[in-house]
């Protein structure tokens, strides 16, 4: 059972790294998906197969406001896909960006992950249920809200990003996502 957490801790950073690397390429490629206009509070777009477009659930301005580092437009793992990455415009050792993964809520799977995370910290008051898979750098927050399961993955470290302060910044981003569901 503990192996599931280990696998996720390996796969998520691998996906983020690959996506961040890909974000350095031509931003006009077909896989680049723009985020909604600043201030757009419309609900997340769905693709024809009912998958939420992760890049419509956060804006660069919302991420910039929390972390004080400029990020580019969200880049989807596939057009309209369930994984979106917002990378910093310039390299910063303290903050590399945000990854959002979104899927339909499978309550059994959500509970399985929640029950098998070794150092889980439950978060109340945000969505229907939420917990930290990793409450320190790299941060991984799972949230169930409105029939959706989403995961925010953030790499932030250094003196200005204490665990408690960074957790609150990520929770603020989660609240932005919830507002669009």
Foldseek 3Di string as FASTA:
>chain_A
DLVVLVVCVVVVVVVQVVVLVVCPPDCPDQQRDFEDDPPDLAAFDADPVRAGQQQPLFHQVLLCVLPVFGWDGWGHPGVSAQKTWTAGPDDDPFWGTKIKGKDFDPPVVVVVLQVNQPPKDWDPDFAPTKIWSDLDAQTWIWHHHDRMIMIMTIGGDDDVCDSVSVVVSVSSSSNSNNSND
